[in-house]
Amino acid sequence: MFDKRLCIANIYQLAKERGIKIGDLEKSAGVSAGYLSRINKDDNNTIPTIDFIAGVADALGITVDAIINNDYTAPTPTEKYILSF
């Protein structure tokens, strides 16, 4: 099942890690500035289109499958180990 919150959180996290501005991602995906922010609001039930996700994935150098199925916001096993001290 598609998890919109996870997908959007992954986009923000990956953009931050790669130093890519959200506005640049939106532009490369062919949507208007602020699109991601608007669909991320709690009261917005809009699901991002596959074309948008594919455009973002391409700009981030990652697969669509990875954006929608992985959790890039969670600490890695190494980070968890370090945090345990």
Protein backbone atom coordinates (compact mmCIF):
# COMPACT_ATOMS: atom_id res chain seq x y z
CA MET A 1 0.00 0.00 0.00
CA PHE A 2 1.28 3.46 -0.93
CA ASP A 3 2.28 5.63 2.05
CA LYS A 4 2.17 9.26 0.94
CA ARG A 5 3.84 10.54 4.13
CA LEU A 6 6.78 8.15 3.77
CA CYS A 7 7.23 9.01 0.10
CA ILE A 8 7.27 12.75 0.77
CA ALA A 9 9.53 12.36 3.82
CA ASN A 10 11.94 10.35 1.69
CA ILE A 11 11.96 13.05 -0.99
CA TYR A 12 12.76 15.75 1.56
CA GLN A 13 15.45 13.61 3.22
CA LEU A 14 17.16 12.60 -0.01
CA ALA A 15 17.08 16.16 -1.35
CA LYS A 16 18.67 17.39 1.87
CA GLU A 17 21.39 14.72 1.76
CA ARG A 18 22.20 15.55 -1.86
CA GLY A 19 22.03 19.32 -1.42
CA ILE A 20 19.18 19.69 -3.93
CA LYS A 21 16.58 22.39 -3.41
CA ILE A 22 12.95 21.25 -3.29
CA GLY A 23 12.05 23.93 -5.84
CA ASP A 24 14.60 22.47 -8.25
CA LEU A 25 13.08 19.00 -7.78
CA GLU A 26 9.60 20.35 -8.41
CA LYS A 27 10.80 22.10 -11.55
CA SER A 28 12.54 19.00 -12.89
CA ALA A 29 9.39 16.94 -12.16
CA GLY A 30 7.23 19.44 -14.06
CA VAL A 31 5.09 20.74 -11.21
CA SER A 32 4.60 24.21 -9.81
CA ALA A 33 6.69 25.65 -7.01
CA GLY A 34 5.24 24.71 -3.64
CA TYR A 35 3.53 21.56 -4.95
CA LEU A 36 5.26 19.25 -2.49
CA SER A 37 4.47 21.51 0.44
CA ARG A 38 0.81 21.74 -0.57
CA ILE A 39 0.28 17.99 -0.92
CA ASN A 40 2.15 17.36 2.33
CA LYS A 41 -0.42 19.21 4.43
CA ASP A 42 -2.50 17.06 6.79
CA ASP A 43 -5.80 18.18 5.29
CA ASN A 44 -4.72 17.48 1.70
CA ASN A 45 -5.65 14.03 0.39
CA THR A 46 -3.94 14.53 -2.97
CA ILE A 47 -1.73 11.61 -3.95
CA PRO A 48 1.39 12.57 -5.95
CA THR A 49 1.26 11.28 -9.51
CA ILE A 50 3.61 8.58 -10.72
CA ASP A 51 4.96 11.09 -13.25
CA PHE A 52 5.91 13.43 -10.39
CA ILE A 53 7.52 10.64 -8.36
CA ALA A 54 9.39 9.36 -11.43
CA GLY A 55 10.67 12.87 -12.21
CA VAL A 56 11.86 13.35 -8.63
CA ALA A 57 13.43 9.89 -8.57
CA ASP A 58 15.32 10.66 -11.76
CA ALA A 59 16.54 14.00 -10.38
CA LEU A 60 17.66 12.29 -7.16
CA GLY A 61 19.33 9.41 -9.01
CA ILE A 62 17.20 6.77 -7.31
CA THR A 63 14.42 4.40 -8.37
CA VAL A 64 10.72 5.03 -7.91
CA ASP A 65 10.55 1.77 -5.97
CA ALA A 66 13.18 3.01 -3.52
CA ILE A 67 11.38 6.30 -2.90
CA ILE A 68 8.06 4.66 -2.14
CA ASN A 69 9.21 1.53 -0.29
CA ASN A 70 12.31 2.46 1.71
CA ASP A 71 12.49 4.66 4.79
CA TYR A 72 15.38 7.06 4.35
CA THR A 73 14.38 9.02 7.44
CA ALA A 74 15.13 6.16 9.85
CA PRO A 75 18.61 5.77 11.31
CA THR A 76 20.84 3.18 9.68
CA PRO A 77 22.04 0.21 11.74
CA THR A 78 25.39 1.98 12.24
CA GLU A 79 23.65 5.15 13.40
CA LYS A 80 21.50 3.11 15.80
CA TYR A 81 24.64 1.49 17.23
CA ILE A 82 26.32 4.86 17.74
CA LEU A 83 23.19 6.32 19.33
CA SER A 84 23.04 3.42 21.81
CA PHE A 85 26.04 4.80 23.73
